[in-house]
Protein backbone atom coordinates (compact mmCIF):
# COMPACT_ATOMS: atom_id res chain seq x y z
CA MET A 1 0.00 0.00 0.00
CA PHE A 2 1.17 3.52 -0.79
CA GLN A 3 1.99 5.73 2.18
CA LEU A 4 2.19 9.49 1.93
CA ASP A 5 4.70 9.59 4.79
CA ALA A 6 7.22 7.66 2.68
CA LEU A 7 7.40 10.50 0.11
CA PRO A 8 9.87 13.35 0.41
CA GLU A 9 8.49 16.63 1.85
CA VAL A 10 8.34 18.32 -1.58
CA ALA A 11 6.26 15.50 -3.06
CA ARG A 12 3.84 15.57 -0.12
CA ASN A 13 3.14 19.29 -0.74
CA VAL A 14 2.33 18.87 -4.46
CA PRO A 15 -1.45 18.55 -3.93
CA THR A 16 -1.40 21.65 -1.73
CA VAL A 17 0.64 23.65 -4.25
CA HIS A 18 -1.61 22.45 -7.07
CA SER A 19 -4.79 23.46 -5.25
CA GLN A 20 -3.29 26.84 -4.35
CA ALA A 21 -2.29 27.43 -7.98
CA GLU A 22 -5.74 26.35 -9.15
CA SER A 23 -7.38 28.71 -6.66
CA ALA A 24 -5.15 31.57 -7.82
CA VAL A 25 -6.05 30.95 -11.47
CA ILE A 26 -9.76 30.74 -10.69
CA SER A 27 -9.56 33.94 -8.67
CA ALA A 28 -7.67 35.73 -11.46
CA VAL A 29 -10.21 34.61 -14.09
CA LEU A 30 -13.11 35.75 -11.91
CA TRP A 31 -11.49 39.17 -11.42
CA LEU A 32 -10.84 39.39 -15.17
CA LYS A 33 -14.47 38.47 -15.86
CA LEU A 34 -15.62 41.18 -13.46
CA GLY A 35 -13.33 43.70 -15.15
CA ILE A 36 -14.63 42.81 -18.62
CA GLU A 37 -18.25 43.01 -17.44
CA THR A 38 -17.47 46.41 -15.94
CA VAL A 39 -15.96 47.61 -19.21
CA GLY A 40 -19.10 46.45 -21.03
CA ALA A 41 -21.34 48.28 -18.55
CA VAL A 42 -19.22 51.44 -18.83
CA ILE A 43 -19.49 51.30 -22.63
CA ILE A 44 -23.28 51.05 -22.37
CA ALA A 45 -23.34 53.99 -19.96
CA LEU A 46 -21.14 56.05 -22.31
CA GLY A 47 -23.42 55.17 -25.21
CA ILE A 48 -26.49 56.26 -23.29
CA LEU A 49 -24.82 59.50 -22.25
CA SER A 50 -23.60 60.18 -25.78
CA ALA A 51 -26.95 59.42 -27.39
CA GLY A 52 -28.75 61.37 -24.67
CA TRP A 53 -26.53 64.39 -25.28
CA LEU A 54 -27.17 64.19 -29.03
CA LEU A 55 -30.89 63.89 -28.36
CA VAL A 56 -30.91 66.96 -26.13
CA LYS A 57 -28.95 68.94 -28.74
CA SER A 58 -31.29 67.76 -31.49
CA LEU A 59 -34.40 68.66 -29.51
CA ALA A 60 -32.96 72.08 -28.64
CA LYS A 61 -32.38 72.78 -32.34
CA ARG A 62 -35.72 71.19 -33.24
CA GLN A 63 -34.01 68.87 -35.71
CA THR A 64 -36.03 65.68 -35.57
CA ALA A 65 -34.30 64.31 -38.69
CA ASP A 66 -31.23 63.56 -36.54
CA PHE A 67 -32.97 60.78 -34.58
CA THR A 68 -31.56 58.15 -36.96
CA ALA A 69 -28.03 59.35 -36.27
CA ILE A 70 -28.75 59.20 -32.54
CA ARG A 71 -30.02 55.64 -32.83
CA LEU A 72 -26.91 54.68 -34.82
CA THR A 73 -24.68 56.20 -32.15
CA LEU A 74 -26.37 54.21 -29.40
CA ALA A 75 -26.38 51.03 -31.52
CA ARG A 76 -22.60 51.26 -32.04
CA TYR A 77 -22.00 51.43 -28.30
CA LEU A 78 -24.43 48.58 -27.63
CA ALA A 79 -22.83 46.35 -30.27
CA LEU A 80 -19.39 46.91 -28.74
CA ALA A 81 -20.68 46.31 -25.20
CA LEU A 82 -22.32 43.05 -26.32
CA GLU A 83 -18.93 41.79 -27.49
CA PHE A 84 -17.39 42.51 -24.08
CA GLN A 85 -20.30 40.89 -22.24
CA LEU A 86 -20.02 37.76 -24.39
CA GLY A 87 -16.30 37.61 -23.64
CA ALA A 88 -17.05 37.77 -19.92
CA ASP A 89 -19.58 34.96 -20.27
CA ILE A 90 -17.04 32.80 -22.07
CA LEU A 91 -14.54 33.40 -19.26
CA SER A 92 -17.07 32.33 -16.65
CA THR A 93 -17.33 28.88 -18.25
CA ALA A 94 -13.56 28.52 -18.72
CA ILE A 95 -13.18 27.28 -15.15
CA ALA A 96 -14.39 23.68 -14.84
CA PRO A 97 -17.75 24.23 -16.52
CA SER A 98 -20.74 22.04 -15.88
CA TRP A 99 -23.09 21.01 -18.67
CA GLU A 100 -25.65 23.43 -17.25
CA GLN A 101 -23.14 26.32 -17.50
CA ILE A 102 -22.22 25.31 -21.05
CA GLY A 103 -25.91 25.25 -21.99
CA LYS A 104 -26.47 28.69 -20.48
CA LEU A 105 -23.41 30.04 -22.28
CA GLY A 106 -24.70 28.60 -25.54
CA ALA A 107 -28.08 30.27 -25.07
CA ILE A 108 -26.48 33.58 -24.04
CA ALA A 109 -24.04 33.43 -26.97
CA VAL A 110 -26.85 32.80 -29.45
CA ILE A 111 -28.98 35.63 -28.03
CA ARG A 112 -26.12 38.14 -27.88
CA THR A 113 -24.79 37.16 -31.29
CA ALA A 114 -28.28 37.54 -32.79
CA LEU A 115 -28.69 40.93 -31.10
CA ASN A 116 -25.31 42.04 -32.38
CA TYR A 117 -26.11 40.79 -35.90
CA PHE A 118 -29.41 42.63 -36.07
CA LEU A 119 -27.89 45.79 -34.57
CA SER A 120 -25.10 45.70 -37.13
CA ARG A 121 -27.53 45.07 -39.98
CA GLU A 122 -29.76 47.92 -38.84
CA MET A 123 -26.76 50.26 -38.52
CA HIS A 124 -25.65 49.36 -42.05
CA GLU A 125 -29.14 49.93 -43.48
CA GLU A 126 -29.56 53.23 -41.68
CA ARG A 127 -26.11 54.42 -42.78
CA GLN A 128 -27.16 53.77 -46.37
CA GLN A 129 -30.37 55.74 -45.80
CA ILE A 130 -28.50 58.63 -44.21
CA SER A 131 -26.02 58.97 -47.08
CA PRO A 132 -28.64 59.83 -49.73
CA GLU A 133 -30.44 62.09 -47.21
CA HIS A 134 -27.19 63.95 -46.48
CA GLU A 135 -26.58 64.51 -50.20
CA VAL A 136 -30.09 65.93 -50.66
CA VAL A 137 -29.69 68.18 -47.63
CA LYS A 138 -26.27 69.40 -48.85
CA ARG A 139 -27.69 70.21 -52.28
CA ALA A 140 -30.67 71.98 -50.75
CA ASP A 141 -28.40 74.06 -48.48
CA ALA A 142 -26.04 75.01 -51.33
């Protein structure tokens, strides 16, 4: 039978060192996940502030045609924030994931990817609509 006492001191501490290293890695990943989620939340807040400021300026000038540009501004920030949030979700399952966590990540990834796809598509369509409108406005102002 194998006895732990027969091993040298260094070999007896391997499980302890391994568990300490594993705990340190898990802790670091959780802090990184928190940081990435915070960055995503800050990006959303900046987008709301930016779009809100543009809305206030537009309403003050009574230029309701600028609402599309405001929506595009907010959509850009949201699309970027979604990428950060998805990254944070992936990190959360990087540490010994269960099948339940993998399933949740899959559902979250599909939802966020679909949101990002539709936001990007809408931004592209609205940019194409704005370009002809800008040309007409420029010609009318000239």
